[in-house]
């Protein structure tokens, strides 16, 4: 809400009041939902590692945008589309979702399947690359390593930051 206020520059008391009321309504509904279904996500992040990851991801998105744009504008479109399985080191569901979404956010790649199924085994995601190269595997492995570094591991599995 604060970000919206700062970016919009609209400080009409009625509009701000509706915004505050909306925030409280959403918080109340979410608290009530947690009591009803008992499905609470326990994922603790390392704030510094998470901020570093976000900064790194923006750079990767910018680089991938450049590559995809260059491929699209090239007079000879030579793409090597490829589907491949990538290993996942992230433990929690939230970290796995963050990893899968990060792959999809990066232009030229998309996460196809995250659950073990016909095409993948447990601990792997199925990914499609628009213009596949061997470097894709390494960069996605680096992404997975950085996502896994953002989460605090279960007791005895890793050191905290």
C-alpha atoms as a PDB file:
ATOM      1  CA  UNK A   1       0.000   0.000   0.000  1.00  0.00           C
ATOM      2  CA  UNK A   2       2.841   2.375   0.860  1.00  0.00           C
ATOM      3  CA  UNK A   3       4.514   1.605  -2.461  1.00  0.00           C
ATOM      4  CA  UNK A   4       1.264   2.383  -4.305  1.00  0.00           C
ATOM      5  CA  UNK A   5       0.904   5.660  -2.415  1.00  0.00           C
ATOM      6  CA  UNK A   6       4.453   6.689  -3.202  1.00  0.00           C
ATOM      7  CA  UNK A   7       4.224   5.762  -6.868  1.00  0.00           C
ATOM      8  CA  UNK A   8       0.728   7.126  -7.565  1.00  0.00           C
ATOM      9  CA  UNK A   9       1.005  10.370  -5.622  1.00  0.00           C
ATOM     10  CA  UNK A  10      -2.736  10.240  -4.881  1.00  0.00           C
ATOM     11  CA  UNK A  11      -3.341  11.104  -1.229  1.00  0.00           C
ATOM     12  CA  UNK A  12      -7.098  11.586  -1.249  1.00  0.00           C
ATOM     13  CA  UNK A  13      -8.311  10.785   2.314  1.00  0.00           C
ATOM     14  CA  UNK A  14     -11.218   8.666   1.087  1.00  0.00           C
ATOM     15  CA  UNK A  15      -8.983   6.618  -1.237  1.00  0.00           C
ATOM     16  CA  UNK A  16      -6.328   6.139   1.460  1.00  0.00           C
ATOM     17  CA  UNK A  17      -9.079   5.114   3.906  1.00  0.00           C
ATOM     18  CA  UNK A  18     -10.368   2.491   1.472  1.00  0.00           C
ATOM     19  CA  UNK A  19      -6.798   1.248   1.042  1.00  0.00           C
ATOM     20  CA  UNK A  20      -6.273   0.900   4.791  1.00  0.00           C
ATOM     21  CA  UNK A  21      -9.639  -0.861   5.153  1.00  0.00           C
ATOM     22  CA  UNK A  22      -8.708  -3.236   2.291  1.00  0.00           C
ATOM     23  CA  UNK A  23      -5.397  -4.103   3.932  1.00  0.00           C
ATOM     24  CA  UNK A  24      -7.094  -4.894   7.245  1.00  0.00           C
ATOM     25  CA  UNK A  25      -9.785  -6.950   5.470  1.00  0.00           C
ATOM     26  CA  UNK A  26      -7.178  -9.026   3.620  1.00  0.00           C
ATOM     27  CA  UNK A  27      -5.149  -9.597   6.816  1.00  0.00           C
ATOM     28  CA  UNK A  28      -8.296 -10.649   8.682  1.00  0.00           C
ATOM     29  CA  UNK A  29      -9.395 -13.051   5.896  1.00  0.00           C
ATOM     30  CA  UNK A  30      -5.898 -14.577   5.678  1.00  0.00           C
ATOM     31  CA  UNK A  31      -5.715 -15.077   9.461  1.00  0.00           C
ATOM     32  CA  UNK A  32      -9.129 -16.722   9.415  1.00  0.00           C
ATOM     33  CA  UNK A  33      -8.140 -18.982   6.504  1.00  0.00           C
ATOM     34  CA  UNK A  34      -5.070 -20.146   8.415  1.00  0.00           C
ATOM     35  CA  UNK A  35      -7.245 -21.139  11.370  1.00  0.00           C
ATOM     36  CA  UNK A  36      -9.715 -23.027   9.173  1.00  0.00           C
ATOM     37  CA  UNK A  37      -7.413 -25.064   6.948  1.00  0.00           C
ATOM     38  CA  UNK A  38      -4.324 -25.210   9.150  1.00  0.00           C
ATOM     39  CA  UNK A  39      -2.118 -25.026   6.060  1.00  0.00           C
ATOM     40  CA  UNK A  40       0.652 -22.754   7.239  1.00  0.00           C
ATOM     41  CA  UNK A  41       3.855 -22.446   5.250  1.00  0.00           C
ATOM     42  CA  UNK A  42       6.990 -22.534   7.351  1.00  0.00           C
ATOM     43  CA  UNK A  43       9.709 -21.074   5.192  1.00  0.00           C
ATOM     44  CA  UNK A  44      12.277 -18.801   6.631  1.00  0.00           C
ATOM     45  CA  UNK A  45      14.516 -16.889   4.316  1.00  0.00           C
ATOM     46  CA  UNK A  46      17.888 -15.329   4.818  1.00  0.00           C
ATOM     47  CA  UNK A  47      17.104 -11.680   3.992  1.00  0.00           C
ATOM     48  CA  UNK A  48      20.552 -10.776   2.691  1.00  0.00           C
ATOM     49  CA  UNK A  49      20.784 -13.887   0.496  1.00  0.00           C
ATOM     50  CA  UNK A  50      17.245 -13.250  -0.800  1.00  0.00           C
ATOM     51  CA  UNK A  51      18.058  -9.639  -1.719  1.00  0.00           C
ATOM     52  CA  UNK A  52      21.263 -10.757  -3.457  1.00  0.00           C
ATOM     53  CA  UNK A  53      19.245 -13.373  -5.351  1.00  0.00           C
ATOM     54  CA  UNK A  54      16.667 -10.817  -6.495  1.00  0.00           C
ATOM     55  CA  UNK A  55      19.437  -8.524  -7.763  1.00  0.00           C
ATOM     56  CA  UNK A  56      21.137 -11.439  -9.544  1.00  0.00           C
ATOM     57  CA  UNK A  57      17.831 -12.606 -11.064  1.00  0.00           C
ATOM     58  CA  UNK A  58      17.138  -9.153 -12.509  1.00  0.00           C
ATOM     59  CA  UNK A  59      20.522  -9.291 -14.222  1.00  0.00           C
ATOM     60  CA  UNK A  60      19.795 -12.757 -15.615  1.00  0.00           C
ATOM     61  CA  UNK A  61      16.397 -11.597 -16.902  1.00  0.00           C
ATOM     62  CA  UNK A  62      18.051  -8.616 -18.623  1.00  0.00           C
ATOM     63  CA  UNK A  63      20.700 -10.842 -20.255  1.00  0.00           C
ATOM     64  CA  UNK A  64      18.091 -13.367 -21.399  1.00  0.00           C
ATOM     65  CA  UNK A  65      15.935 -10.547 -22.801  1.00  0.00           C
ATOM     66  CA  UNK A  66      18.876  -9.421 -24.895  1.00  0.00           C
ATOM     67  CA  UNK A  67      19.501 -12.945 -26.239  1.00  0.00           C
ATOM     68  CA  UNK A  68      15.832 -13.545 -27.093  1.00  0.00           C
ATOM     69  CA  UNK A  69      15.513 -10.122 -28.735  1.00  0.00           C
ATOM     70  CA  UNK A  70      18.656 -10.757 -30.794  1.00  0.00           C
ATOM     71  CA  UNK A  71      17.266 -14.151 -31.891  1.00  0.00           C
ATOM     72  CA  UNK A  72      13.900 -12.707 -32.854  1.00  0.00           C
ATOM     73  CA  UNK A  73      15.384  -9.812 -34.840  1.00  0.00           C
ATOM     74  CA  UNK A  74      17.955 -12.009 -36.575  1.00  0.00           C
ATOM     75  CA  UNK A  75      17.225 -12.449 -40.302  1.00  0.00           C
ATOM     76  CA  UNK A  76      17.984 -16.183 -39.960  1.00  0.00           C
ATOM     77  CA  UNK A  77      16.105 -17.711 -37.070  1.00  0.00           C
ATOM     78  CA  UNK A  78      18.243 -20.669 -35.937  1.00  0.00           C
ATOM     79  CA  UNK A  79      16.660 -21.908 -32.716  1.00  0.00           C
ATOM     80  CA  UNK A  80      17.497 -25.129 -30.913  1.00  0.00           C
ATOM     81  CA  UNK A  81      14.339 -25.787 -28.905  1.00  0.00           C
ATOM     82  CA  UNK A  82      14.891 -28.427 -26.280  1.00  0.00           C
ATOM     83  CA  UNK A  83      13.163 -29.929 -23.236  1.00  0.00           C
ATOM     84  CA  UNK A  84      15.355 -31.156 -20.411  1.00  0.00           C
ATOM     85  CA  UNK A  85      15.127 -32.135 -16.759  1.00  0.00           C
ATOM     86  CA  UNK A  86      16.922 -30.048 -14.139  1.00  0.00           C
ATOM     87  CA  UNK A  87      17.699 -31.220 -10.611  1.00  0.00           C
ATOM     88  CA  UNK A  88      16.167 -29.270  -7.722  1.00  0.00           C
ATOM     89  CA  UNK A  89      18.061 -28.771  -4.466  1.00  0.00           C
ATOM     90  CA  UNK A  90      15.519 -26.456  -2.839  1.00  0.00           C
ATOM     91  CA  UNK A  91      13.763 -28.252   0.026  1.00  0.00           C
ATOM     92  CA  UNK A  92      10.620 -26.311   0.838  1.00  0.00           C
ATOM     93  CA  UNK A  93       7.612 -25.979  -1.440  1.00  0.00           C
ATOM     94  CA  UNK A  94       7.990 -22.201  -1.428  1.00  0.00           C
ATOM     95  CA  UNK A  95      11.637 -22.385  -2.523  1.00  0.00           C
ATOM     96  CA  UNK A  96      10.735 -24.843  -5.288  1.00  0.00           C
ATOM     97  CA  UNK A  97       7.975 -22.517  -6.493  1.00  0.00           C
ATOM     98  CA  UNK A  98      10.424 -19.612  -6.399  1.00  0.00           C
ATOM     99  CA  UNK A  99      12.884 -21.642  -8.478  1.00  0.00           C
ATOM    100  CA  UNK A 100      10.257 -22.740 -11.020  1.00  0.00           C
ATOM    101  CA  UNK A 101       8.926 -19.181 -11.347  1.00  0.00           C
ATOM    102  CA  UNK A 102      12.443 -17.801 -11.721  1.00  0.00           C
ATOM    103  CA  UNK A 103      13.043 -20.163 -14.640  1.00  0.00           C
ATOM    104  CA  UNK A 104       9.776 -19.050 -16.240  1.00  0.00           C
ATOM    105  CA  UNK A 105      10.507 -15.363 -15.609  1.00  0.00           C
ATOM    106  CA  UNK A 106      13.758 -15.694 -17.521  1.00  0.00           C
ATOM    107  CA  UNK A 107      12.898 -15.099 -21.203  1.00  0.00           C
ATOM    108  CA  UNK A 108      13.454 -18.094 -23.441  1.00  0.00           C
ATOM    109  CA  UNK A 109      12.827 -20.722 -20.739  1.00  0.00           C
ATOM    110  CA  UNK A 110       9.701 -22.053 -19.112  1.00  0.00           C
ATOM    111  CA  UNK A 111       9.099 -24.631 -16.405  1.00  0.00           C
ATOM    112  CA  UNK A 112       6.772 -27.261 -17.868  1.00  0.00           C
ATOM    113  CA  UNK A 113       6.399 -29.780 -15.057  1.00  0.00           C
ATOM    114  CA  UNK A 114       7.270 -29.591 -11.367  1.00  0.00           C
ATOM    115  CA  UNK A 115       5.711 -32.797 -10.058  1.00  0.00           C
ATOM    116  CA  UNK A 116       7.171 -36.229 -10.781  1.00  0.00           C
ATOM    117  CA  UNK A 117       5.252 -37.625 -13.699  1.00  0.00           C
ATOM    118  CA  UNK A 118       5.561 -39.136 -17.114  1.00  0.00           C
ATOM    119  CA  UNK A 119       8.543 -37.031 -18.119  1.00  0.00           C
ATOM    120  CA  UNK A 120      10.398 -36.351 -14.870  1.00  0.00           C
ATOM    121  CA  UNK A 121      11.453 -38.183 -11.757  1.00  0.00           C
ATOM    122  CA  UNK A 122      11.337 -36.906  -8.165  1.00  0.00           C
ATOM    123  CA  UNK A 123      13.651 -33.989  -7.474  1.00  0.00           C
ATOM    124  CA  UNK A 124      13.610 -32.704 -11.076  1.00  0.00           C
ATOM    125  CA  UNK A 125      11.713 -30.099 -13.074  1.00  0.00           C
ATOM    126  CA  UNK A 126      10.999 -30.326 -16.790  1.00  0.00           C
ATOM    127  CA  UNK A 127      12.131 -27.155 -18.569  1.00  0.00           C
ATOM    128  CA  UNK A 128      11.726 -25.977 -22.169  1.00  0.00           C
ATOM    129  CA  UNK A 129      14.378 -23.719 -23.676  1.00  0.00           C
ATOM    130  CA  UNK A 130      13.717 -21.692 -26.805  1.00  0.00           C
ATOM    131  CA  UNK A 131      17.367 -21.668 -27.899  1.00  0.00           C
ATOM    132  CA  UNK A 132      19.134 -24.409 -25.963  1.00  0.00           C
ATOM    133  CA  UNK A 133      22.841 -24.437 -25.306  1.00  0.00           C
ATOM    134  CA  UNK A 134      24.994 -26.353 -22.832  1.00  0.00           C
ATOM    135  CA  UNK A 135      25.314 -23.116 -20.819  1.00  0.00           C
ATOM    136  CA  UNK A 136      21.578 -23.305 -20.015  1.00  0.00           C
ATOM    137  CA  UNK A 137      22.126 -26.279 -17.719  1.00  0.00           C
ATOM    138  CA  UNK A 138      24.897 -24.469 -15.854  1.00  0.00           C
ATOM    139  CA  UNK A 139      22.945 -21.222 -15.469  1.00  0.00           C
ATOM    140  CA  UNK A 140      19.832 -23.033 -14.231  1.00  0.00           C
ATOM    141  CA  UNK A 141      21.967 -25.032 -11.783  1.00  0.00           C
ATOM    142  CA  UNK A 142      23.405 -21.722 -10.534  1.00  0.00           C
ATOM    143  CA  UNK A 143      19.854 -20.383 -10.139  1.00  0.00           C
ATOM    144  CA  UNK A 144      18.886 -23.457  -8.103  1.00  0.00           C
ATOM    145  CA  UNK A 145      21.978 -23.083  -5.921  1.00  0.00           C
ATOM    146  CA  UNK A 146      21.123 -19.445  -5.224  1.00  0.00           C
ATOM    147  CA  UNK A 147      17.476 -20.234  -4.396  1.00  0.00           C
ATOM    148  CA  UNK A 148      18.554 -23.030  -2.048  1.00  0.00           C
ATOM    149  CA  UNK A 149      20.975 -20.593  -0.382  1.00  0.00           C
ATOM    150  CA  UNK A 150      18.053 -18.249   0.376  1.00  0.00           C
ATOM    151  CA  UNK A 151      16.214 -20.731   2.581  1.00  0.00           C
ATOM    152  CA  UNK A 152      17.227 -21.798   6.037  1.00  0.00           C
ATOM    153  CA  UNK A 153      17.728 -25.547   6.088  1.00  0.00           C
ATOM    154  CA  UNK A 154      16.209 -27.976   8.546  1.00  0.00           C
ATOM    155  CA  UNK A 155      18.081 -28.454  11.815  1.00  0.00           C
ATOM    156  CA  UNK A 156      21.493 -29.976  11.220  1.00  0.00           C
ATOM    157  CA  UNK A 157      21.430 -29.586   7.437  1.00  0.00           C
ATOM    158  CA  UNK A 158      23.032 -26.200   6.935  1.00  0.00           C
ATOM    159  CA  UNK A 159      24.468 -23.190   8.592  1.00  0.00           C
ATOM    160  CA  UNK A 160      22.385 -20.074   8.992  1.00  0.00           C
ATOM    161  CA  UNK A 161      23.552 -16.716   7.740  1.00  0.00           C
END
